[in-house]
Amino acid sequence: MPKHASRRQKLLGDELRAWSLPVEPVEDLDAVARRYPRRKLTLSSERKAMEFYEHPERPKAFSMDSLEFFFLIAQYFREALPLRLILLLIACQKAGGQIRLTQEEMATVLDVPRARTNEALQEIMGHGIVFKVRRGVYQFNPPYSYRVAEFIPGTELVDAEYVQVDQDKTIAKIRGDESLPDLVRFPSLEHMREAIEELRKKRAEERAARRWARAQRQEEGPVQ
């Protein structure tokens, strides 16, 4: 038997066992290159862009959200449900800011009774954040949150579609609709800022009153 026969059998055994072992993830191509210095490393395809809605030939495929809007609603709403509902509405926008959800669907997703969903939705709508277009269709006020565009992937039966609705066109349409409330046509978060300040002032006064009451009880001492 040749001297290298036993070594060849060992190598063959290692190769066969390799098929039953999990493949290690490649995290560093430099490390792989150092491990196999005589091998040529290649990539079989071009790396895709990280932005899901981005395409070189179709820019502006994204959503825009007001950071000031987030900052204020986090302080204004004292319960979690209105905030959860706002996040759901943002997530479900179509290009142009429309949300195609019924109240039943909102309640199902959030796992709360429909009556509570309706209360939270009415409160949100009362501040001009969203408004009802028709049954099951709502519109986000563009200055607060707005999906400029969306890329709808195609299937075997339907071609891919790119839809874009510029924000200024939607704002102009909303402002021209005199049937809508003024807070919708000319949105402002100033009333929320004032309400937050009033609430903070009221709570500060209540805390001061409680501290004063405790101090009075301590001065009076225990009842004999």
C-alpha atoms as a PDB file:
ATOM      1  CA  MET A   1       0.000   0.000   0.000  1.00  0.00           C
ATOM      2  CA  PRO A   2       1.428   3.435  -0.869  1.00  0.00           C
ATOM      3  CA  LYS A   3       2.527   5.600   2.037  1.00  0.00           C
ATOM      4  CA  HIS A   4      -0.063   8.273   1.321  1.00  0.00           C
ATOM      5  CA  ALA A   5      -3.036   5.843   1.143  1.00  0.00           C
ATOM      6  CA  SER A   6      -3.908   6.049   4.850  1.00  0.00           C
ATOM      7  CA  ARG A   7      -3.772   9.876   4.728  1.00  0.00           C
ATOM      8  CA  ARG A   8      -6.074   9.880   1.677  1.00  0.00           C
ATOM      9  CA  GLN A   9      -8.597   7.665   3.497  1.00  0.00           C
ATOM     10  CA  LYS A  10      -8.523  10.022   6.508  1.00  0.00           C
ATOM     11  CA  LEU A  11      -9.169  13.019   4.300  1.00  0.00           C
ATOM     12  CA  LEU A  12     -12.022  11.240   2.555  1.00  0.00           C
ATOM     13  CA  GLY A  13     -13.540  10.384   5.918  1.00  0.00           C
ATOM     14  CA  ASP A  14     -13.340  14.035   7.013  1.00  0.00           C
ATOM     15  CA  GLU A  15     -15.067  15.143   3.808  1.00  0.00           C
ATOM     16  CA  LEU A  16     -17.894  12.657   4.282  1.00  0.00           C
ATOM     17  CA  ARG A  17     -18.428  13.690   7.908  1.00  0.00           C
ATOM     18  CA  ALA A  18     -18.576  17.303   6.816  1.00  0.00           C
ATOM     19  CA  TRP A  19     -21.928  16.691   5.097  1.00  0.00           C
ATOM     20  CA  SER A  20     -23.570  15.918   8.465  1.00  0.00           C
ATOM     21  CA  LEU A  21     -22.235  19.049  10.211  1.00  0.00           C
ATOM     22  CA  PRO A  22     -23.991  22.466  10.249  1.00  0.00           C
ATOM     23  CA  VAL A  23     -22.494  25.100   7.987  1.00  0.00           C
ATOM     24  CA  GLU A  24     -20.739  27.894   9.844  1.00  0.00           C
ATOM     25  CA  PRO A  25     -22.011  31.390   8.967  1.00  0.00           C
ATOM     26  CA  VAL A  26     -19.499  33.550   7.132  1.00  0.00           C
ATOM     27  CA  GLU A  27     -19.054  36.759   9.110  1.00  0.00           C
ATOM     28  CA  ASP A  28     -15.650  37.932   7.880  1.00  0.00           C
ATOM     29  CA  LEU A  29     -14.413  37.256   4.337  1.00  0.00           C
ATOM     30  CA  ASP A  30     -10.879  38.287   5.337  1.00  0.00           C
ATOM     31  CA  ALA A  31     -10.786  35.493   7.895  1.00  0.00           C
ATOM     32  CA  VAL A  32     -11.966  33.001   5.263  1.00  0.00           C
ATOM     33  CA  ALA A  33      -9.273  34.228   2.860  1.00  0.00           C
ATOM     34  CA  ARG A  34      -6.570  33.743   5.495  1.00  0.00           C
ATOM     35  CA  ARG A  35      -7.842  30.244   6.228  1.00  0.00           C
ATOM     36  CA  TYR A  36      -7.691  29.269   2.535  1.00  0.00           C
ATOM     37  CA  PRO A  37      -4.836  31.360   1.105  1.00  0.00           C
ATOM     38  CA  ARG A  38      -4.732  29.498  -2.215  1.00  0.00           C
ATOM     39  CA  ARG A  39      -8.463  29.874  -2.873  1.00  0.00           C
ATOM     40  CA  LYS A  40     -10.034  32.691  -4.882  1.00  0.00           C
ATOM     41  CA  LEU A  41     -13.067  34.234  -3.186  1.00  0.00           C
ATOM     42  CA  THR A  42     -15.900  35.511  -5.389  1.00  0.00           C
ATOM     43  CA  LEU A  43     -19.389  36.870  -4.882  1.00  0.00           C
ATOM     44  CA  SER A  44     -22.086  35.487  -7.134  1.00  0.00           C
ATOM     45  CA  SER A  45     -24.429  38.510  -7.116  1.00  0.00           C
ATOM     46  CA  GLU A  46     -24.568  42.224  -6.440  1.00  0.00           C
ATOM     47  CA  ARG A  47     -25.524  43.309  -2.946  1.00  0.00           C
ATOM     48  CA  LYS A  48     -29.053  44.748  -2.806  1.00  0.00           C
ATOM     49  CA  ALA A  49     -29.813  48.166  -1.347  1.00  0.00           C
ATOM     50  CA  MET A  50     -30.753  48.132   2.324  1.00  0.00           C
ATOM     51  CA  GLU A  51     -33.761  50.407   1.879  1.00  0.00           C
ATOM     52  CA  PHE A  52     -36.794  48.264   1.203  1.00  0.00           C
ATOM     53  CA  TYR A  53     -38.673  50.984  -0.666  1.00  0.00           C
ATOM     54  CA  GLU A  54     -35.602  52.392  -2.410  1.00  0.00           C
ATOM     55  CA  HIS A  55     -34.781  51.802  -6.073  1.00  0.00           C
ATOM     56  CA  PRO A  56     -32.173  53.635  -8.175  1.00  0.00           C
ATOM     57  CA  GLU A  57     -34.729  54.471 -10.853  1.00  0.00           C
ATOM     58  CA  ARG A  58     -37.477  55.341  -8.362  1.00  0.00           C
ATOM     59  CA  PRO A  59     -36.325  57.739  -5.645  1.00  0.00           C
ATOM     60  CA  LYS A  60     -38.418  59.110  -2.774  1.00  0.00           C
ATOM     61  CA  ALA A  61     -39.857  55.720  -1.945  1.00  0.00           C
ATOM     62  CA  PHE A  62     -40.197  56.171   1.806  1.00  0.00           C
ATOM     63  CA  SER A  63     -42.353  57.433   4.661  1.00  0.00           C
ATOM     64  CA  MET A  64     -41.877  60.718   6.502  1.00  0.00           C
ATOM     65  CA  ASP A  65     -42.753  61.193  10.171  1.00  0.00           C
ATOM     66  CA  SER A  66     -42.568  64.345  12.270  1.00  0.00           C
ATOM     67  CA  LEU A  67     -40.240  63.925  15.254  1.00  0.00           C
ATOM     68  CA  GLU A  68     -41.967  66.854  16.965  1.00  0.00           C
ATOM     69  CA  PHE A  69     -45.265  65.013  16.552  1.00  0.00           C
ATOM     70  CA  PHE A  70     -43.833  61.897  18.230  1.00  0.00           C
ATOM     71  CA  PHE A  71     -42.279  64.017  20.988  1.00  0.00           C
ATOM     72  CA  LEU A  72     -45.596  65.673  21.851  1.00  0.00           C
ATOM     73  CA  ILE A  73     -47.937  62.682  21.664  1.00  0.00           C
ATOM     74  CA  ALA A  74     -45.582  60.736  23.959  1.00  0.00           C
ATOM     75  CA  GLN A  75     -46.243  63.423  26.582  1.00  0.00           C
ATOM     76  CA  TYR A  76     -49.860  64.215  25.786  1.00  0.00           C
ATOM     77  CA  PHE A  77     -51.532  60.798  25.748  1.00  0.00           C
ATOM     78  CA  ARG A  78     -51.570  59.381  29.266  1.00  0.00           C
ATOM     79  CA  GLU A  79     -52.755  55.916  28.223  1.00  0.00           C
ATOM     80  CA  ALA A  80     -51.036  53.418  25.965  1.00  0.00           C
ATOM     81  CA  LEU A  81     -53.940  52.617  23.628  1.00  0.00           C
ATOM     82  CA  PRO A  82     -54.011  55.924  21.659  1.00  0.00           C
ATOM     83  CA  LEU A  83     -50.250  55.683  21.127  1.00  0.00           C
ATOM     84  CA  ARG A  84     -50.510  52.048  20.031  1.00  0.00           C
ATOM     85  CA  LEU A  85     -53.298  52.964  17.632  1.00  0.00           C
ATOM     86  CA  ILE A  86     -51.276  55.836  16.139  1.00  0.00           C
ATOM     87  CA  LEU A  87     -48.350  53.472  15.525  1.00  0.00           C
ATOM     88  CA  LEU A  88     -50.702  50.985  13.865  1.00  0.00           C
ATOM     89  CA  LEU A  89     -52.108  53.700  11.599  1.00  0.00           C
ATOM     90  CA  ILE A  90     -48.603  54.820  10.640  1.00  0.00           C
ATOM     91  CA  ALA A  91     -47.600  51.237   9.831  1.00  0.00           C
ATOM     92  CA  CYS A  92     -50.667  50.639   7.659  1.00  0.00           C
ATOM     93  CA  GLN A  93     -50.455  53.760   5.482  1.00  0.00           C
ATOM     94  CA  LYS A  94     -50.566  53.493   1.742  1.00  0.00           C
ATOM     95  CA  ALA A  95     -48.840  55.906  -0.604  1.00  0.00           C
ATOM     96  CA  GLY A  96     -50.585  59.238  -0.072  1.00  0.00           C
ATOM     97  CA  GLY A  97     -51.211  58.659   3.627  1.00  0.00           C
ATOM     98  CA  GLN A  98     -54.444  56.686   3.404  1.00  0.00           C
ATOM     99  CA  ILE A  99     -55.138  53.894   5.905  1.00  0.00           C
ATOM    100  CA  ARG A 100     -57.500  51.156   4.765  1.00  0.00           C
ATOM    101  CA  LEU A 101     -58.576  49.614   8.052  1.00  0.00           C
ATOM    102  CA  THR A 102     -61.959  49.098   9.666  1.00  0.00           C
ATOM    103  CA  GLN A 103     -62.377  49.601  13.387  1.00  0.00           C
ATOM    104  CA  GLU A 104     -62.954  45.875  13.729  1.00  0.00           C
ATOM    105  CA  GLU A 105     -59.564  45.211  12.124  1.00  0.00           C
ATOM    106  CA  MET A 106     -57.881  47.775  14.374  1.00  0.00           C
ATOM    107  CA  ALA A 107     -59.411  46.141  17.451  1.00  0.00           C
ATOM    108  CA  THR A 108     -58.328  42.689  16.275  1.00  0.00           C
ATOM    109  CA  VAL A 109     -54.723  43.725  15.679  1.00  0.00           C
ATOM    110  CA  LEU A 110     -54.471  45.582  19.007  1.00  0.00           C
ATOM    111  CA  ASP A 111     -56.393  42.830  20.834  1.00  0.00           C
ATOM    112  CA  VAL A 112     -58.770  45.224  22.598  1.00  0.00           C
ATOM    113  CA  PRO A 113     -62.571  45.620  22.525  1.00  0.00           C
ATOM    114  CA  ARG A 114     -63.964  47.533  19.566  1.00  0.00           C
ATOM    115  CA  ALA A 115     -65.580  50.077  21.888  1.00  0.00           C
ATOM    116  CA  ARG A 116     -62.187  51.032  23.354  1.00  0.00           C
ATOM    117  CA  THR A 117     -60.677  51.228  19.878  1.00  0.00           C
ATOM    118  CA  ASN A 118     -63.470  53.563  18.805  1.00  0.00           C
ATOM    119  CA  GLU A 119     -62.897  55.820  21.836  1.00  0.00           C
ATOM    120  CA  ALA A 120     -59.155  56.036  21.140  1.00  0.00           C
ATOM    121  CA  LEU A 121     -59.753  56.673  17.440  1.00  0.00           C
ATOM    122  CA  GLN A 122     -62.261  59.447  18.162  1.00  0.00           C
ATOM    123  CA  GLU A 123     -59.756  61.099  20.517  1.00  0.00           C
ATOM    124  CA  ILE A 124     -57.005  60.916  17.870  1.00  0.00           C
ATOM    125  CA  MET A 125     -59.325  62.290  15.191  1.00  0.00           C
ATOM    126  CA  GLY A 126     -60.374  65.080  17.553  1.00  0.00           C
ATOM    127  CA  HIS A 127     -56.850  66.482  17.360  1.00  0.00           C
ATOM    128  CA  GLY A 128     -56.757  66.474  13.555  1.00  0.00           C
ATOM    129  CA  ILE A 129     -54.144  63.707  13.445  1.00  0.00           C
ATOM    130  CA  VAL A 130     -56.239  61.549  11.131  1.00  0.00           C
ATOM    131  CA  PHE A 131     -59.678  61.996   9.610  1.00  0.00           C
ATOM    132  CA  LYS A 132     -62.239  59.659   8.117  1.00  0.00           C
ATOM    133  CA  VAL A 133     -62.547  59.559   4.322  1.00  0.00           C
ATOM    134  CA  ARG A 134     -65.240  56.888   4.228  1.00  0.00           C
ATOM    135  CA  ARG A 135     -66.019  53.652   6.027  1.00  0.00           C
ATOM    136  CA  GLY A 136     -62.829  51.682   6.505  1.00  0.00           C
ATOM    137  CA  VAL A 137     -60.623  54.413   4.993  1.00  0.00           C
ATOM    138  CA  TYR A 138     -58.831  57.078   7.011  1.00  0.00           C
ATOM    139  CA  GLN A 139     -56.303  59.738   6.053  1.00  0.00           C
ATOM    140  CA  PHE A 140     -53.217  60.718   8.025  1.00  0.00           C
ATOM    141  CA  ASN A 141     -52.606  64.463   8.213  1.00  0.00           C
ATOM    142  CA  PRO A 142     -49.465  64.873   6.050  1.00  0.00           C
ATOM    143  CA  PRO A 143     -47.453  67.140   8.400  1.00  0.00           C
ATOM    144  CA  TYR A 144     -47.544  64.442  11.096  1.00  0.00           C
ATOM    145  CA  SER A 145     -46.933  61.246   9.155  1.00  0.00           C
ATOM    146  CA  TYR A 146     -46.969  60.601   5.437  1.00  0.00           C
ATOM    147  CA  ARG A 147     -46.036  57.733   3.158  1.00  0.00           C
ATOM    148  CA  VAL A 148     -44.720  59.398   0.043  1.00  0.00           C
ATOM    149  CA  ALA A 149     -44.474  56.220  -1.995  1.00  0.00           C
ATOM    150  CA  GLU A 150     -44.528  52.464  -1.885  1.00  0.00           C
ATOM    151  CA  PHE A 151     -43.139  49.718  -4.054  1.00  0.00           C
ATOM    152  CA  ILE A 152     -45.536  46.814  -4.428  1.00  0.00           C
ATOM    153  CA  PRO A 153     -43.623  43.660  -5.448  1.00  0.00           C
ATOM    154  CA  GLY A 154     -45.002  41.758  -8.402  1.00  0.00           C
ATOM    155  CA  THR A 155     -46.137  38.153  -8.620  1.00  0.00           C
ATOM    156  CA  GLU A 156     -46.458  35.624 -11.414  1.00  0.00           C
ATOM    157  CA  LEU A 157     -49.817  37.140 -12.314  1.00  0.00           C
ATOM    158  CA  VAL A 158     -49.411  40.827 -11.415  1.00  0.00           C
ATOM    159  CA  ASP A 159     -46.584  43.182 -12.393  1.00  0.00           C
ATOM    160  CA  ALA A 160     -44.690  45.119  -9.761  1.00  0.00           C
ATOM    161  CA  GLU A 161     -46.056  48.599  -9.141  1.00  0.00           C
ATOM    162  CA  TYR A 162     -44.501  51.807  -7.832  1.00  0.00           C
ATOM    163  CA  VAL A 163     -46.950  54.379  -6.450  1.00  0.00           C
ATOM    164  CA  GLN A 164     -45.901  57.906  -5.476  1.00  0.00           C
ATOM    165  CA  VAL A 165     -48.078  60.754  -4.173  1.00  0.00           C
ATOM    166  CA  ASP A 166     -46.180  63.933  -3.312  1.00  0.00           C
ATOM    167  CA  GLN A 167     -46.961  65.476   0.059  1.00  0.00           C
ATOM    168  CA  ASP A 168     -47.673  68.997  -1.227  1.00  0.00           C
ATOM    169  CA  LYS A 169     -50.450  67.716  -3.508  1.00  0.00           C
ATOM    170  CA  THR A 170     -52.201  65.953  -0.630  1.00  0.00           C
ATOM    171  CA  ILE A 171     -51.864  69.017   1.617  1.00  0.00           C
ATOM    172  CA  ALA A 172     -53.347  71.246  -1.089  1.00  0.00           C
ATOM    173  CA  LYS A 173     -56.277  68.856  -1.535  1.00  0.00           C
ATOM    174  CA  ILE A 174     -56.977  68.760   2.206  1.00  0.00           C
ATOM    175  CA  ARG A 175     -56.776  72.543   2.600  1.00  0.00           C
ATOM    176  CA  GLY A 176     -59.159  73.024  -0.307  1.00  0.00           C
ATOM    177  CA  ASP A 177     -61.835  70.813   1.277  1.00  0.00           C
ATOM    178  CA  GLU A 178     -63.976  73.205   3.311  1.00  0.00           C
ATOM    179  CA  SER A 179     -66.065  70.337   4.685  1.00  0.00           C
ATOM    180  CA  LEU A 180     -63.122  69.297   6.885  1.00  0.00           C
ATOM    181  CA  PRO A 181     -62.520  70.814  10.351  1.00  0.00           C
ATOM    182  CA  ASP A 182     -60.046  73.699  10.563  1.00  0.00           C
ATOM    183  CA  LEU A 183     -57.718  71.629  12.739  1.00  0.00           C
ATOM    184  CA  VAL A 184     -57.472  69.154   9.851  1.00  0.00           C
ATOM    185  CA  ARG A 185     -57.107  71.761   7.100  1.00  0.00           C
ATOM    186  CA  PHE A 186     -54.625  73.868   9.075  1.00  0.00           C
ATOM    187  CA  PRO A 187     -53.002  71.440  11.530  1.00  0.00           C
ATOM    188  CA  SER A 188     -51.308  72.708  14.665  1.00  0.00           C
ATOM    189  CA  LEU A 189     -49.874  70.968  17.734  1.00  0.00           C
ATOM    190  CA  GLU A 190     -49.999  74.144  19.825  1.00  0.00           C
ATOM    191  CA  HIS A 191     -53.112  73.010  21.699  1.00  0.00           C
ATOM    192  CA  MET A 192     -51.245  69.857  22.744  1.00  0.00           C
ATOM    193  CA  ARG A 193     -48.294  71.908  23.983  1.00  0.00           C
ATOM    194  CA  GLU A 194     -50.639  74.106  26.035  1.00  0.00           C
ATOM    195  CA  ALA A 195     -52.473  71.080  27.454  1.00  0.00           C
ATOM    196  CA  ILE A 196     -49.182  69.429  28.465  1.00  0.00           C
ATOM    197  CA  GLU A 197     -48.056  72.586  30.279  1.00  0.00           C
ATOM    198  CA  GLU A 198     -51.413  72.899  32.059  1.00  0.00           C
ATOM    199  CA  LEU A 199     -51.261  69.263  33.146  1.00  0.00           C
ATOM    200  CA  ARG A 200     -47.700  69.641  34.446  1.00  0.00           C
ATOM    201  CA  LYS A 201     -48.671  72.803  36.344  1.00  0.00           C
ATOM    202  CA  LYS A 202     -51.715  71.109  37.879  1.00  0.00           C
ATOM    203  CA  ARG A 203     -49.700  68.082  38.981  1.00  0.00           C
ATOM    204  CA  ALA A 204     -46.987  70.299  40.460  1.00  0.00           C
ATOM    205  CA  GLU A 205     -49.649  72.149  42.498  1.00  0.00           C
ATOM    206  CA  GLU A 206     -51.135  68.834  43.687  1.00  0.00           C
ATOM    207  CA  ARG A 207     -47.711  67.569  44.773  1.00  0.00           C
ATOM    208  CA  ALA A 208     -47.039  70.838  46.626  1.00  0.00           C
ATOM    209  CA  ALA A 209     -50.419  70.565  48.393  1.00  0.00           C
ATOM    210  CA  ARG A 210     -49.672  66.997  49.497  1.00  0.00           C
ATOM    211  CA  ARG A 211     -46.249  68.005  50.825  1.00  0.00           C
ATOM    212  CA  TRP A 212     -47.815  70.900  52.748  1.00  0.00           C
ATOM    213  CA  ALA A 213     -50.454  68.575  54.237  1.00  0.00           C
ATOM    214  CA  ARG A 214     -47.789  66.103  55.390  1.00  0.00           C
ATOM    215  CA  ALA A 215     -45.749  68.888  56.935  1.00  0.00           C
ATOM    216  CA  GLN A 216     -48.822  70.145  58.818  1.00  0.00           C
ATOM    217  CA  ARG A 217     -49.545  66.689  60.227  1.00  0.00           C
ATOM    218  CA  GLN A 218     -45.952  66.307  61.367  1.00  0.00           C
ATOM    219  CA  GLU A 219     -46.046  69.699  63.172  1.00  0.00           C
ATOM    220  CA  GLU A 220     -49.249  68.824  64.968  1.00  0.00           C
ATOM    221  CA  GLY A 221     -47.691  65.617  66.206  1.00  0.00           C
ATOM    222  CA  PRO A 222     -49.502  62.402  67.216  1.00  0.00           C
ATOM    223  CA  VAL A 223     -53.026  62.742  68.519  1.00  0.00           C
ATOM    224  CA  GLN A 224     -53.119  62.238  72.340  1.00  0.00           C
END
